[in-house]
Amino acid sequence: MLYSLYETQHTLLEPWRFAAEAARGWFGHPFSPFTYSPLARRITAANDLFLRVTQRYEKPAWNIAAADIEVALEKPFCRLIHFKQNQAAGRKVLLVAPLSGHHATLLRDTVRSLLPDHDVWVTDWVDAKMVPIGAGPFHLADYVDYIREFIRLVGDPVSVISVCQPTVPVLCAVALMAQDGEAPAPRALVMMGGPIDARRSPTAVNNLAMHKPYSWFERNVIERVPQKYPGFMRRVYPGFLQHLGFVAMNPARHLTAHWDYFKHLHAGDEDSAPYGPGSAAPFDDGSGPEGYPIKGNADSMLYHVPGGRYYDATKAEAWFATEADAEAAGFSAPPSASHEEASE
């Protein structure tokens, strides 16, 4: 029901989005006479913020010129893609991207860093709402089987890097392969930022899982895919609920960040400092200006410092000079940061 209501809301907002885009042009374009109205900046900022909050972001392109992308294996829930280079292939690396909450393309900076010395393969997961229900379910056991098949296909020698959520199924896959004496076994296994032992340094999410029964999650976060998608009637954990979960952890920070964004738009400072003093917008290639080393992700409202677990995997939507600047803009450190401090 919630998923259908969410889609209905998005459809009903479309006329308002068209109106907001028009108003932003009328009051923001330098050649428009309305631009010189006393309320022009306020109207432009309000419409820009409305469009930002209601926008749906499509999957970004890889934009990696150093290699050609080929689909090595296509399965109902995932495509294994290979970055084929003209030069001699280096050491094989299977990069297992998060299945939920992010597109695999958010790891493109990691892929770019690996390509000069490695032969890179990446799991490009398919949005579950686009998979017909006739393709069957996708449970944890299926996830593990996918990883085992991908490792076998890439072949020996291969190193496996899992980022965030897939660390658990990847560890299961490699352990089962070792138990069964299955070849080829990965030469190395790197697990970045995953909850291998969720009992250590528990977060609010861990505590919720400890205090709510399994049935509560089935009732409250599992929804049926609406009729407009190929995966109609498939049971999923919708992305918008995941996003709401992030927002619910720090609602004040998110509200403050949007309010600050509006104020900077109103002040005409949207390009140089999108999130206030100490912030900077990314360049066209995604990099940041000198002196702004900290990455900010506007979807999760988390910031990542150099050397952090998620730093390389994060696409910066804002850059900050210091952690204090990021926190003043409403961003917070990821839960993994407190884990790292506790282990030092």
C-alpha atoms as a PDB file:
ATOM      1  CA  MET A   1       0.000   0.000   0.000  1.00  0.00           C
ATOM      2  CA  LEU A   2       2.754   2.488   0.907  1.00  0.00           C
ATOM      3  CA  TYR A   3       4.590   1.805  -2.345  1.00  0.00           C
ATOM      4  CA  SER A   4       1.451   2.471  -4.395  1.00  0.00           C
ATOM      5  CA  LEU A   5       0.737   5.655  -2.435  1.00  0.00           C
ATOM      6  CA  TYR A   6       4.317   6.782  -3.001  1.00  0.00           C
ATOM      7  CA  GLU A   7       3.982   6.279  -6.764  1.00  0.00           C
ATOM      8  CA  THR A   8       0.610   8.061  -6.776  1.00  0.00           C
ATOM      9  CA  GLN A   9       2.119  10.999  -4.922  1.00  0.00           C
ATOM     10  CA  HIS A  10       4.943  11.208  -7.456  1.00  0.00           C
ATOM     11  CA  THR A  11       2.457  11.224 -10.327  1.00  0.00           C
ATOM     12  CA  LEU A  12       0.327  13.931  -8.694  1.00  0.00           C
ATOM     13  CA  LEU A  13       3.415  16.075  -8.145  1.00  0.00           C
ATOM     14  CA  GLU A  14       4.385  16.085 -11.828  1.00  0.00           C
ATOM     15  CA  PRO A  15       2.231  19.142 -12.762  1.00  0.00           C
ATOM     16  CA  TRP A  16       3.663  20.986  -9.797  1.00  0.00           C
ATOM     17  CA  ARG A  17       7.194  20.098 -10.884  1.00  0.00           C
ATOM     18  CA  PHE A  18       6.531  21.473 -14.372  1.00  0.00           C
ATOM     19  CA  ALA A  19       5.178  24.655 -12.807  1.00  0.00           C
ATOM     20  CA  ALA A  20       8.214  24.926 -10.509  1.00  0.00           C
ATOM     21  CA  GLU A  21      10.608  24.496 -13.434  1.00  0.00           C
ATOM     22  CA  ALA A  22       8.784  27.216 -15.350  1.00  0.00           C
ATOM     23  CA  ALA A  23       8.771  29.579 -12.377  1.00  0.00           C
ATOM     24  CA  ARG A  24      12.464  28.957 -11.756  1.00  0.00           C
ATOM     25  CA  GLY A  25      13.134  29.955 -15.357  1.00  0.00           C
ATOM     26  CA  TRP A  26      10.887  33.021 -15.268  1.00  0.00           C
ATOM     27  CA  PHE A  27      12.404  34.406 -12.078  1.00  0.00           C
ATOM     28  CA  GLY A  28      15.956  33.095 -12.442  1.00  0.00           C
ATOM     29  CA  HIS A  29      16.950  33.559 -16.070  1.00  0.00           C
ATOM     30  CA  PRO A  30      19.072  36.701 -16.552  1.00  0.00           C
ATOM     31  CA  PHE A  31      17.126  37.684 -19.697  1.00  0.00           C
ATOM     32  CA  SER A  32      13.734  37.440 -18.009  1.00  0.00           C
ATOM     33  CA  PRO A  33      12.205  40.742 -16.832  1.00  0.00           C
ATOM     34  CA  PHE A  34      10.812  38.947 -13.770  1.00  0.00           C
ATOM     35  CA  THR A  35      14.402  38.371 -12.561  1.00  0.00           C
ATOM     36  CA  TYR A  36      14.532  41.971 -11.376  1.00  0.00           C
ATOM     37  CA  SER A  37      11.492  41.594  -9.141  1.00  0.00           C
ATOM     38  CA  PRO A  38      12.211  42.085  -5.400  1.00  0.00           C
ATOM     39  CA  LEU A  39      10.972  38.550  -4.691  1.00  0.00           C
ATOM     40  CA  ALA A  40      12.743  36.892  -7.647  1.00  0.00           C
ATOM     41  CA  ARG A  41      15.528  35.238  -5.665  1.00  0.00           C
ATOM     42  CA  ARG A  42      13.156  33.966  -2.996  1.00  0.00           C
ATOM     43  CA  ILE A  43      10.790  32.478  -5.582  1.00  0.00           C
ATOM     44  CA  THR A  44      13.666  30.926  -7.536  1.00  0.00           C
ATOM     45  CA  ALA A  45      15.176  29.433  -4.381  1.00  0.00           C
ATOM     46  CA  ALA A  46      11.844  27.993  -3.206  1.00  0.00           C
ATOM     47  CA  ASN A  47      11.161  26.346  -6.566  1.00  0.00           C
ATOM     48  CA  ASP A  48      14.707  25.022  -6.830  1.00  0.00           C
ATOM     49  CA  LEU A  49      14.429  23.449  -3.372  1.00  0.00           C
ATOM     50  CA  PHE A  50      11.049  21.911  -4.251  1.00  0.00           C
ATOM     51  CA  LEU A  51      12.514  20.359  -7.409  1.00  0.00           C
ATOM     52  CA  ARG A  52      15.515  19.066  -5.469  1.00  0.00           C
ATOM     53  CA  VAL A  53      13.375  17.385  -2.797  1.00  0.00           C
ATOM     54  CA  THR A  54      10.937  15.774  -5.249  1.00  0.00           C
ATOM     55  CA  GLN A  55      13.435  14.751  -7.921  1.00  0.00           C
ATOM     56  CA  ARG A  56      14.120  11.116  -8.751  1.00  0.00           C
ATOM     57  CA  TYR A  57      17.715  10.480  -9.678  1.00  0.00           C
ATOM     58  CA  GLU A  58      18.413   8.106 -12.535  1.00  0.00           C
ATOM     59  CA  LYS A  59      21.319   5.708 -12.584  1.00  0.00           C
ATOM     60  CA  PRO A  60      24.429   7.719 -13.554  1.00  0.00           C
ATOM     61  CA  ALA A  61      26.684   6.577 -16.378  1.00  0.00           C
ATOM     62  CA  TRP A  62      30.069   4.982 -15.729  1.00  0.00           C
ATOM     63  CA  ASN A  63      31.879   7.584 -17.845  1.00  0.00           C
ATOM     64  CA  ILE A  64      35.140   5.631 -17.857  1.00  0.00           C
ATOM     65  CA  ALA A  65      36.980   6.246 -21.110  1.00  0.00           C
ATOM     66  CA  ALA A  66      39.930   4.002 -20.249  1.00  0.00           C
ATOM     67  CA  ALA A  67      37.958   0.782 -20.814  1.00  0.00           C
ATOM     68  CA  ASP A  68      35.093  -0.696 -22.796  1.00  0.00           C
ATOM     69  CA  ILE A  69      32.231  -2.166 -20.785  1.00  0.00           C
ATOM     70  CA  GLU A  70      31.076  -5.639 -21.745  1.00  0.00           C
ATOM     71  CA  VAL A  71      28.435  -7.809 -20.080  1.00  0.00           C
ATOM     72  CA  ALA A  72      30.185 -11.046 -19.148  1.00  0.00           C
ATOM     73  CA  LEU A  73      27.107 -12.693 -17.639  1.00  0.00           C
ATOM     74  CA  GLU A  74      23.501 -11.559 -17.377  1.00  0.00           C
ATOM     75  CA  LYS A  75      21.241 -13.040 -14.738  1.00  0.00           C
ATOM     76  CA  PRO A  76      17.737 -11.953 -13.661  1.00  0.00           C
ATOM     77  CA  PHE A  77      18.948  -9.922 -10.687  1.00  0.00           C
ATOM     78  CA  CYS A  78      22.470  -8.945 -11.708  1.00  0.00           C
ATOM     79  CA  ARG A  79      24.767  -8.299 -14.644  1.00  0.00           C
ATOM     80  CA  LEU A  80      28.442  -9.107 -14.239  1.00  0.00           C
ATOM     81  CA  ILE A  81      30.247  -6.438 -16.215  1.00  0.00           C
ATOM     82  CA  HIS A  82      33.866  -6.452 -17.334  1.00  0.00           C
ATOM     83  CA  PHE A  83      35.958  -3.347 -17.968  1.00  0.00           C
ATOM     84  CA  LYS A  84      37.917  -4.486 -20.986  1.00  0.00           C
ATOM     85  CA  GLN A  85      41.128  -2.603 -21.720  1.00  0.00           C
ATOM     86  CA  ASN A  86      43.323  -2.562 -24.806  1.00  0.00           C
ATOM     87  CA  GLN A  87      46.484  -2.936 -22.743  1.00  0.00           C
ATOM     88  CA  ALA A  88      47.609  -6.179 -21.170  1.00  0.00           C
ATOM     89  CA  ALA A  89      45.266  -7.249 -18.380  1.00  0.00           C
ATOM     90  CA  GLY A  90      46.520  -6.899 -14.823  1.00  0.00           C
ATOM     91  CA  ARG A  91      45.521  -8.832 -11.757  1.00  0.00           C
ATOM     92  CA  LYS A  92      41.845  -9.807 -11.709  1.00  0.00           C
ATOM     93  CA  VAL A  93      39.590  -8.035  -9.223  1.00  0.00           C
ATOM     94  CA  LEU A  94      35.907  -8.753  -8.640  1.00  0.00           C
ATOM     95  CA  LEU A  95      34.310  -5.652  -7.107  1.00  0.00           C
ATOM     96  CA  VAL A  96      31.007  -6.564  -5.447  1.00  0.00           C
ATOM     97  CA  ALA A  97      28.857  -3.453  -5.263  1.00  0.00           C
ATOM     98  CA  PRO A  98      26.007  -2.914  -2.780  1.00  0.00           C
ATOM     99  CA  LEU A  99      22.756  -4.462  -3.934  1.00  0.00           C
ATOM    100  CA  SER A 100      20.367  -2.020  -2.272  1.00  0.00           C
ATOM    101  CA  GLY A 101      20.278   1.704  -1.759  1.00  0.00           C
ATOM    102  CA  HIS A 102      22.931   2.614  -4.345  1.00  0.00           C
ATOM    103  CA  HIS A 103      23.738   2.086  -7.997  1.00  0.00           C
ATOM    104  CA  ALA A 104      26.927   0.203  -8.823  1.00  0.00           C
ATOM    105  CA  THR A 105      28.069   3.261 -10.777  1.00  0.00           C
ATOM    106  CA  LEU A 106      28.674   5.081  -7.496  1.00  0.00           C
ATOM    107  CA  LEU A 107      31.850   2.967  -7.320  1.00  0.00           C
ATOM    108  CA  ARG A 108      33.209   4.385 -10.571  1.00  0.00           C
ATOM    109  CA  ASP A 109      35.979   6.301  -8.799  1.00  0.00           C
ATOM    110  CA  THR A 110      37.083   3.020  -7.213  1.00  0.00           C
ATOM    111  CA  VAL A 111      36.998   1.369 -10.646  1.00  0.00           C
ATOM    112  CA  ARG A 112      39.076   4.209 -12.128  1.00  0.00           C
ATOM    113  CA  SER A 113      41.658   3.754  -9.364  1.00  0.00           C
ATOM    114  CA  LEU A 114      41.871  -0.001  -9.943  1.00  0.00           C
ATOM    115  CA  LEU A 115      42.016  -0.002 -13.738  1.00  0.00           C
ATOM    116  CA  PRO A 116      45.678   1.003 -14.260  1.00  0.00           C
ATOM    117  CA  ASP A 117      46.917  -2.157 -12.510  1.00  0.00           C
ATOM    118  CA  HIS A 118      43.929  -4.524 -12.530  1.00  0.00           C
ATOM    119  CA  ASP A 119      41.461  -6.380 -14.704  1.00  0.00           C
ATOM    120  CA  VAL A 120      38.200  -5.160 -13.137  1.00  0.00           C
ATOM    121  CA  TRP A 121      34.858  -6.974 -12.952  1.00  0.00           C
ATOM    122  CA  VAL A 122      31.841  -5.434 -11.180  1.00  0.00           C
ATOM    123  CA  THR A 123      28.432  -6.695 -10.056  1.00  0.00           C
ATOM    124  CA  ASP A 124      25.793  -4.414 -11.560  1.00  0.00           C
ATOM    125  CA  TRP A 125      22.619  -5.291  -9.660  1.00  0.00           C
ATOM    126  CA  VAL A 126      19.221  -4.956 -11.326  1.00  0.00           C
ATOM    127  CA  ASP A 127      16.522  -2.935  -9.575  1.00  0.00           C
ATOM    128  CA  ALA A 128      14.205  -5.588  -8.148  1.00  0.00           C
ATOM    129  CA  LYS A 129      11.106  -3.712  -9.285  1.00  0.00           C
ATOM    130  CA  MET A 130      12.239  -4.297 -12.867  1.00  0.00           C
ATOM    131  CA  VAL A 131      12.495  -8.091 -12.472  1.00  0.00           C
ATOM    132  CA  PRO A 132       9.266  -9.974 -13.325  1.00  0.00           C
ATOM    133  CA  ILE A 133       7.921 -12.079 -10.497  1.00  0.00           C
ATOM    134  CA  GLY A 134       8.192 -15.115 -12.780  1.00  0.00           C
ATOM    135  CA  ALA A 135      11.996 -14.923 -12.412  1.00  0.00           C
ATOM    136  CA  GLY A 136      11.537 -16.224  -8.872  1.00  0.00           C
ATOM    137  CA  PRO A 137      12.676 -14.848  -5.509  1.00  0.00           C
ATOM    138  CA  PHE A 138      16.090 -13.551  -4.583  1.00  0.00           C
ATOM    139  CA  HIS A 139      16.979 -14.687  -1.073  1.00  0.00           C
ATOM    140  CA  LEU A 140      20.269 -14.659   0.804  1.00  0.00           C
ATOM    141  CA  ALA A 141      21.066 -18.148  -0.499  1.00  0.00           C
ATOM    142  CA  ASP A 142      20.535 -16.926  -4.068  1.00  0.00           C
ATOM    143  CA  TYR A 143      22.799 -13.958  -3.376  1.00  0.00           C
ATOM    144  CA  VAL A 144      25.549 -16.298  -2.160  1.00  0.00           C
ATOM    145  CA  ASP A 145      25.101 -18.560  -5.201  1.00  0.00           C
ATOM    146  CA  TYR A 146      25.433 -15.550  -7.524  1.00  0.00           C
ATOM    147  CA  ILE A 147      28.751 -14.575  -5.926  1.00  0.00           C
ATOM    148  CA  ARG A 148      30.100 -18.126  -6.177  1.00  0.00           C
ATOM    149  CA  GLU A 149      29.174 -18.282  -9.854  1.00  0.00           C
ATOM    150  CA  PHE A 150      30.796 -14.912 -10.539  1.00  0.00           C
ATOM    151  CA  ILE A 151      34.036 -15.967  -8.838  1.00  0.00           C
ATOM    152  CA  ARG A 152      34.143 -19.157 -10.908  1.00  0.00           C
ATOM    153  CA  LEU A 153      33.494 -17.211 -14.112  1.00  0.00           C
ATOM    154  CA  VAL A 154      36.192 -14.598 -13.505  1.00  0.00           C
ATOM    155  CA  GLY A 155      38.615 -17.440 -12.862  1.00  0.00           C
ATOM    156  CA  ASP A 156      41.937 -17.841 -11.138  1.00  0.00           C
ATOM    157  CA  PRO A 157      43.673 -15.790  -9.863  1.00  0.00           C
ATOM    158  CA  VAL A 158      41.047 -13.355  -8.576  1.00  0.00           C
ATOM    159  CA  SER A 159      40.816 -11.037  -5.606  1.00  0.00           C
ATOM    160  CA  VAL A 160      37.380 -10.058  -4.292  1.00  0.00           C
ATOM    161  CA  ILE A 161      36.476  -6.646  -2.861  1.00  0.00           C
ATOM    162  CA  SER A 162      33.054  -6.230  -1.243  1.00  0.00           C
ATOM    163  CA  VAL A 163      31.782  -2.769  -0.352  1.00  0.00           C
ATOM    164  CA  CYS A 164      29.333  -2.260   2.529  1.00  0.00           C
ATOM    165  CA  GLN A 165      26.206  -4.435   2.384  1.00  0.00           C
ATOM    166  CA  PRO A 166      27.550  -7.404   0.339  1.00  0.00           C
ATOM    167  CA  THR A 167      30.340  -8.217   2.780  1.00  0.00           C
ATOM    168  CA  VAL A 168      28.216 -10.850   4.541  1.00  0.00           C
ATOM    169  CA  PRO A 169      27.070 -12.818   1.449  1.00  0.00           C
ATOM    170  CA  VAL A 170      30.576 -12.554  -0.039  1.00  0.00           C
ATOM    171  CA  LEU A 171      32.107 -13.963   3.147  1.00  0.00           C
ATOM    172  CA  CYS A 172      29.527 -16.765   3.081  1.00  0.00           C
ATOM    173  CA  ALA A 173      30.276 -17.534  -0.571  1.00  0.00           C
ATOM    174  CA  VAL A 174      34.040 -17.709  -0.071  1.00  0.00           C
ATOM    175  CA  ALA A 175      33.669 -19.785   3.102  1.00  0.00           C
ATOM    176  CA  LEU A 176      31.374 -22.292   1.366  1.00  0.00           C
ATOM    177  CA  MET A 177      33.768 -22.541  -1.577  1.00  0.00           C
ATOM    178  CA  ALA A 178      36.614 -23.305   0.816  1.00  0.00           C
ATOM    179  CA  GLN A 179      34.498 -25.843   2.693  1.00  0.00           C
ATOM    180  CA  ASP A 180      33.577 -27.653  -0.529  1.00  0.00           C
ATOM    181  CA  GLY A 181      37.131 -27.505  -1.886  1.00  0.00           C
ATOM    182  CA  GLU A 182      35.832 -25.536  -4.840  1.00  0.00           C
ATOM    183  CA  ALA A 183      38.310 -23.860  -7.168  1.00  0.00           C
ATOM    184  CA  PRO A 184      39.321 -21.211  -7.827  1.00  0.00           C
ATOM    185  CA  ALA A 185      39.507 -19.812  -4.328  1.00  0.00           C
ATOM    186  CA  PRO A 186      40.048 -16.010  -4.205  1.00  0.00           C
ATOM    187  CA  ARG A 187      43.643 -14.982  -3.659  1.00  0.00           C
ATOM    188  CA  ALA A 188      42.498 -12.166  -1.378  1.00  0.00           C
ATOM    189  CA  LEU A 189      39.223 -11.039   0.185  1.00  0.00           C
ATOM    190  CA  VAL A 190      38.720  -7.387   1.135  1.00  0.00           C
ATOM    191  CA  MET A 191      35.564  -6.453   3.057  1.00  0.00           C
ATOM    192  CA  MET A 192      34.952  -2.714   3.342  1.00  0.00           C
ATOM    193  CA  GLY A 193      32.525  -1.242   5.867  1.00  0.00           C
ATOM    194  CA  GLY A 194      30.287  -4.282   6.249  1.00  0.00           C
ATOM    195  CA  PRO A 195      28.505  -5.547   9.372  1.00  0.00           C
ATOM    196  CA  ILE A 196      30.410  -8.818   9.790  1.00  0.00           C
ATOM    197  CA  ASP A 197      29.600  -8.895  13.507  1.00  0.00           C
ATOM    198  CA  ALA A 198      26.607  -6.638  14.119  1.00  0.00           C
ATOM    199  CA  ARG A 199      26.965  -7.113  17.874  1.00  0.00           C
ATOM    200  CA  ARG A 200      30.064  -4.914  17.920  1.00  0.00           C
ATOM    201  CA  SER A 201      29.469  -1.154  18.242  1.00  0.00           C
ATOM    202  CA  PRO A 202      25.714  -1.454  17.602  1.00  0.00           C
ATOM    203  CA  THR A 203      23.953   1.432  15.874  1.00  0.00           C
ATOM    204  CA  ALA A 204      20.307   2.528  16.055  1.00  0.00           C
ATOM    205  CA  VAL A 205      19.540   0.075  13.246  1.00  0.00           C
ATOM    206  CA  ASN A 206      21.055  -2.817  15.230  1.00  0.00           C
ATOM    207  CA  ASN A 207      19.077  -1.833  18.308  1.00  0.00           C
ATOM    208  CA  LEU A 208      15.854  -1.704  16.298  1.00  0.00           C
ATOM    209  CA  ALA A 209      16.519  -5.200  14.973  1.00  0.00           C
ATOM    210  CA  MET A 210      17.094  -6.461  18.530  1.00  0.00           C
ATOM    211  CA  HIS A 211      13.829  -5.043  19.869  1.00  0.00           C
ATOM    212  CA  LYS A 212      11.449  -5.793  16.994  1.00  0.00           C
ATOM    213  CA  PRO A 213      10.357  -9.266  15.857  1.00  0.00           C
ATOM    214  CA  TYR A 214      10.863 -10.455  12.290  1.00  0.00           C
ATOM    215  CA  SER A 215       7.119 -10.137  11.696  1.00  0.00           C
ATOM    216  CA  TRP A 216       7.265  -6.404  12.489  1.00  0.00           C
ATOM    217  CA  PHE A 217       9.704  -5.798   9.631  1.00  0.00           C
ATOM    218  CA  GLU A 218       7.563  -7.865   7.252  1.00  0.00           C
ATOM    219  CA  ARG A 219       4.507  -5.766   8.113  1.00  0.00           C
ATOM    220  CA  ASN A 220       6.168  -2.358   8.094  1.00  0.00           C
ATOM    221  CA  VAL A 221       8.994  -2.292   5.537  1.00  0.00           C
ATOM    222  CA  ILE A 222       8.154  -4.996   2.967  1.00  0.00           C
ATOM    223  CA  GLU A 223       5.912  -3.815   0.135  1.00  0.00           C
ATOM    224  CA  ARG A 224       4.545  -5.134  -3.146  1.00  0.00           C
ATOM    225  CA  VAL A 225       5.863  -3.558  -6.358  1.00  0.00           C
ATOM    226  CA  PRO A 226       3.111  -1.420  -7.999  1.00  0.00           C
ATOM    227  CA  GLN A 227       1.473  -2.419 -11.273  1.00  0.00           C
ATOM    228  CA  LYS A 228       3.382   0.064 -13.464  1.00  0.00           C
ATOM    229  CA  TYR A 229       6.650  -1.899 -13.131  1.00  0.00           C
ATOM    230  CA  PRO A 230       7.670  -5.255 -14.662  1.00  0.00           C
ATOM    231  CA  GLY A 231       8.166  -6.663 -11.154  1.00  0.00           C
ATOM    232  CA  PHE A 232       4.492  -6.120 -10.243  1.00  0.00           C
ATOM    233  CA  MET A 233       3.580  -7.902  -6.985  1.00  0.00           C
ATOM    234  CA  ARG A 234       7.185  -8.753  -6.087  1.00  0.00           C
ATOM    235  CA  ARG A 235       7.889  -8.288  -2.358  1.00  0.00           C
ATOM    236  CA  VAL A 236      10.661  -5.720  -1.857  1.00  0.00           C
ATOM    237  CA  TYR A 237      12.128  -3.303   0.656  1.00  0.00           C
ATOM    238  CA  PRO A 238      11.559  -0.044  -1.288  1.00  0.00           C
ATOM    239  CA  GLY A 239      14.351   2.461  -1.665  1.00  0.00           C
ATOM    240  CA  PHE A 240      12.197   5.346  -0.451  1.00  0.00           C
ATOM    241  CA  LEU A 241      11.721   3.555   2.874  1.00  0.00           C
ATOM    242  CA  GLN A 242      15.471   3.058   3.154  1.00  0.00           C
ATOM    243  CA  HIS A 243      15.948   6.770   2.532  1.00  0.00           C
ATOM    244  CA  LEU A 244      13.318   7.650   5.128  1.00  0.00           C
ATOM    245  CA  GLY A 245      15.195   5.445   7.579  1.00  0.00           C
ATOM    246  CA  PHE A 246      18.340   7.521   7.028  1.00  0.00           C
ATOM    247  CA  VAL A 247      16.387  10.743   7.466  1.00  0.00           C
ATOM    248  CA  ALA A 248      14.660   9.471  10.628  1.00  0.00           C
ATOM    249  CA  MET A 249      18.039   8.898  12.289  1.00  0.00           C
ATOM    250  CA  ASN A 250      18.892  12.635  12.035  1.00  0.00           C
ATOM    251  CA  PRO A 251      15.764  14.575  10.963  1.00  0.00           C
ATOM    252  CA  ALA A 252      16.969  17.895  12.385  1.00  0.00           C
ATOM    253  CA  ARG A 253      20.203  17.716  10.405  1.00  0.00           C
ATOM    254  CA  HIS A 254      18.355  17.069   7.147  1.00  0.00           C
ATOM    255  CA  LEU A 255      15.905  19.905   7.739  1.00  0.00           C
ATOM    256  CA  THR A 256      18.753  22.251   8.617  1.00  0.00           C
ATOM    257  CA  ALA A 257      20.664  21.260   5.495  1.00  0.00           C
ATOM    258  CA  HIS A 258      17.668  21.977   3.240  1.00  0.00           C
ATOM    259  CA  TRP A 259      16.995  25.273   4.983  1.00  0.00           C
ATOM    260  CA  ASP A 260      20.637  26.293   4.593  1.00  0.00           C
ATOM    261  CA  TYR A 261      20.485  25.296   0.928  1.00  0.00           C
ATOM    262  CA  PHE A 262      17.463  27.579   0.474  1.00  0.00           C
ATOM    263  CA  LYS A 263      19.226  30.453   2.214  1.00  0.00           C
ATOM    264  CA  HIS A 264      22.320  30.131   0.032  1.00  0.00           C
ATOM    265  CA  LEU A 265      20.191  30.019  -3.107  1.00  0.00           C
ATOM    266  CA  HIS A 266      18.390  33.128  -1.903  1.00  0.00           C
ATOM    267  CA  ALA A 267      21.717  34.815  -1.300  1.00  0.00           C
ATOM    268  CA  GLY A 268      22.906  33.877  -4.795  1.00  0.00           C
ATOM    269  CA  ASP A 269      25.716  31.723  -3.380  1.00  0.00           C
ATOM    270  CA  GLU A 270      24.592  28.360  -4.754  1.00  0.00           C
ATOM    271  CA  ASP A 271      27.715  27.734  -6.841  1.00  0.00           C
ATOM    272  CA  SER A 272      30.594  28.712  -4.607  1.00  0.00           C
ATOM    273  CA  ALA A 273      29.277  27.352  -1.289  1.00  0.00           C
ATOM    274  CA  PRO A 274      26.213  25.132  -1.733  1.00  0.00           C
ATOM    275  CA  TYR A 275      26.129  24.194   1.972  1.00  0.00           C
ATOM    276  CA  GLY A 276      27.457  27.348   3.538  1.00  0.00           C
ATOM    277  CA  PRO A 277      30.941  28.460   4.591  1.00  0.00           C
ATOM    278  CA  GLY A 278      33.570  25.768   4.194  1.00  0.00           C
ATOM    279  CA  SER A 279      31.677  23.923   1.450  1.00  0.00           C
ATOM    280  CA  ALA A 280      32.265  23.724  -2.286  1.00  0.00           C
ATOM    281  CA  ALA A 281      30.434  22.262  -5.256  1.00  0.00           C
ATOM    282  CA  PRO A 282      32.167  19.438  -7.172  1.00  0.00           C
ATOM    283  CA  PHE A 283      33.751  20.107 -10.532  1.00  0.00           C
ATOM    284  CA  ASP A 284      32.307  18.539 -13.682  1.00  0.00           C
ATOM    285  CA  ASP A 285      34.494  15.459 -13.212  1.00  0.00           C
ATOM    286  CA  GLY A 286      33.311  15.047  -9.606  1.00  0.00           C
ATOM    287  CA  SER A 287      36.560  16.174  -7.985  1.00  0.00           C
ATOM    288  CA  GLY A 288      36.775  18.951  -5.420  1.00  0.00           C
ATOM    289  CA  PRO A 289      38.833  22.125  -5.180  1.00  0.00           C
ATOM    290  CA  GLU A 290      42.125  22.186  -3.334  1.00  0.00           C
ATOM    291  CA  GLY A 291      41.682  22.510   0.407  1.00  0.00           C
ATOM    292  CA  TYR A 292      38.319  20.686   0.438  1.00  0.00           C
ATOM    293  CA  PRO A 293      39.186  17.007   1.063  1.00  0.00           C
ATOM    294  CA  ILE A 294      35.976  15.836   2.763  1.00  0.00           C
ATOM    295  CA  LYS A 295      33.198  14.275   0.697  1.00  0.00           C
ATOM    296  CA  GLY A 296      29.514  14.858   1.465  1.00  0.00           C
ATOM    297  CA  ASN A 297      26.649  12.670   0.204  1.00  0.00           C
ATOM    298  CA  ALA A 298      23.372  14.589  -0.001  1.00  0.00           C
ATOM    299  CA  ASP A 299      21.181  11.464  -0.045  1.00  0.00           C
ATOM    300  CA  SER A 300      22.437   9.987   3.220  1.00  0.00           C
ATOM    301  CA  MET A 301      23.582  13.340   4.698  1.00  0.00           C
ATOM    302  CA  LEU A 302      26.836  11.668   5.728  1.00  0.00           C
ATOM    303  CA  TYR A 303      30.357  12.987   5.239  1.00  0.00           C
ATOM    304  CA  HIS A 304      33.467  10.901   4.627  1.00  0.00           C
ATOM    305  CA  VAL A 305      37.053  11.812   5.444  1.00  0.00           C
ATOM    306  CA  PRO A 306      40.125  10.620   3.498  1.00  0.00           C
ATOM    307  CA  GLY A 307      41.097   7.135   4.602  1.00  0.00           C
ATOM    308  CA  GLY A 308      37.569   6.319   5.804  1.00  0.00           C
ATOM    309  CA  ARG A 309      35.891   3.055   4.850  1.00  0.00           C
ATOM    310  CA  TYR A 310      33.465   4.603   2.377  1.00  0.00           C
ATOM    311  CA  TYR A 311      35.618   7.456   1.092  1.00  0.00           C
ATOM    312  CA  ASP A 312      36.645   5.949  -2.240  1.00  0.00           C
ATOM    313  CA  ALA A 313      33.172   4.517  -2.882  1.00  0.00           C
ATOM    314  CA  THR A 314      31.365   7.794  -2.203  1.00  0.00           C
ATOM    315  CA  LYS A 315      30.375  10.141  -4.990  1.00  0.00           C
ATOM    316  CA  ALA A 316      30.855  13.638  -3.572  1.00  0.00           C
ATOM    317  CA  GLU A 317      27.833  15.880  -4.042  1.00  0.00           C
ATOM    318  CA  ALA A 318      29.560  18.487  -1.901  1.00  0.00           C
ATOM    319  CA  TRP A 319      33.102  18.995  -0.639  1.00  0.00           C
ATOM    320  CA  PHE A 320      34.029  20.395   2.785  1.00  0.00           C
ATOM    321  CA  ALA A 321      37.195  21.938   4.177  1.00  0.00           C
ATOM    322  CA  THR A 322      36.800  20.478   7.679  1.00  0.00           C
ATOM    323  CA  GLU A 323      34.605  18.060   9.560  1.00  0.00           C
ATOM    324  CA  ALA A 324      33.217  21.010  11.531  1.00  0.00           C
ATOM    325  CA  ASP A 325      32.083  22.635   8.265  1.00  0.00           C
ATOM    326  CA  ALA A 326      30.343  19.422   7.223  1.00  0.00           C
ATOM    327  CA  GLU A 327      28.571  19.095  10.576  1.00  0.00           C
ATOM    328  CA  ALA A 328      27.553  22.747  10.507  1.00  0.00           C
ATOM    329  CA  ALA A 329      25.881  22.046   7.151  1.00  0.00           C
ATOM    330  CA  GLY A 330      23.821  19.233   8.678  1.00  0.00           C
ATOM    331  CA  PHE A 331      26.016  16.303   7.642  1.00  0.00           C
ATOM    332  CA  SER A 332      27.115  13.660  10.133  1.00  0.00           C
ATOM    333  CA  ALA A 333      29.903  11.101  10.283  1.00  0.00           C
ATOM    334  CA  PRO A 334      28.987   7.564   9.172  1.00  0.00           C
ATOM    335  CA  PRO A 335      28.433   4.949  11.894  1.00  0.00           C
ATOM    336  CA  SER A 336      31.666   3.243  10.805  1.00  0.00           C
ATOM    337  CA  ALA A 337      33.644   6.271  11.968  1.00  0.00           C
ATOM    338  CA  SER A 338      32.695   5.634  15.585  1.00  0.00           C
ATOM    339  CA  HIS A 339      33.577   1.946  15.114  1.00  0.00           C
ATOM    340  CA  GLU A 340      37.059   2.863  13.868  1.00  0.00           C
ATOM    341  CA  GLU A 341      37.635   5.226  16.790  1.00  0.00           C
ATOM    342  CA  ALA A 342      36.537   2.538  19.249  1.00  0.00           C
ATOM    343  CA  SER A 343      38.988   0.030  17.783  1.00  0.00           C
ATOM    344  CA  GLU A 344      42.006   2.339  17.899  1.00  0.00           C
END
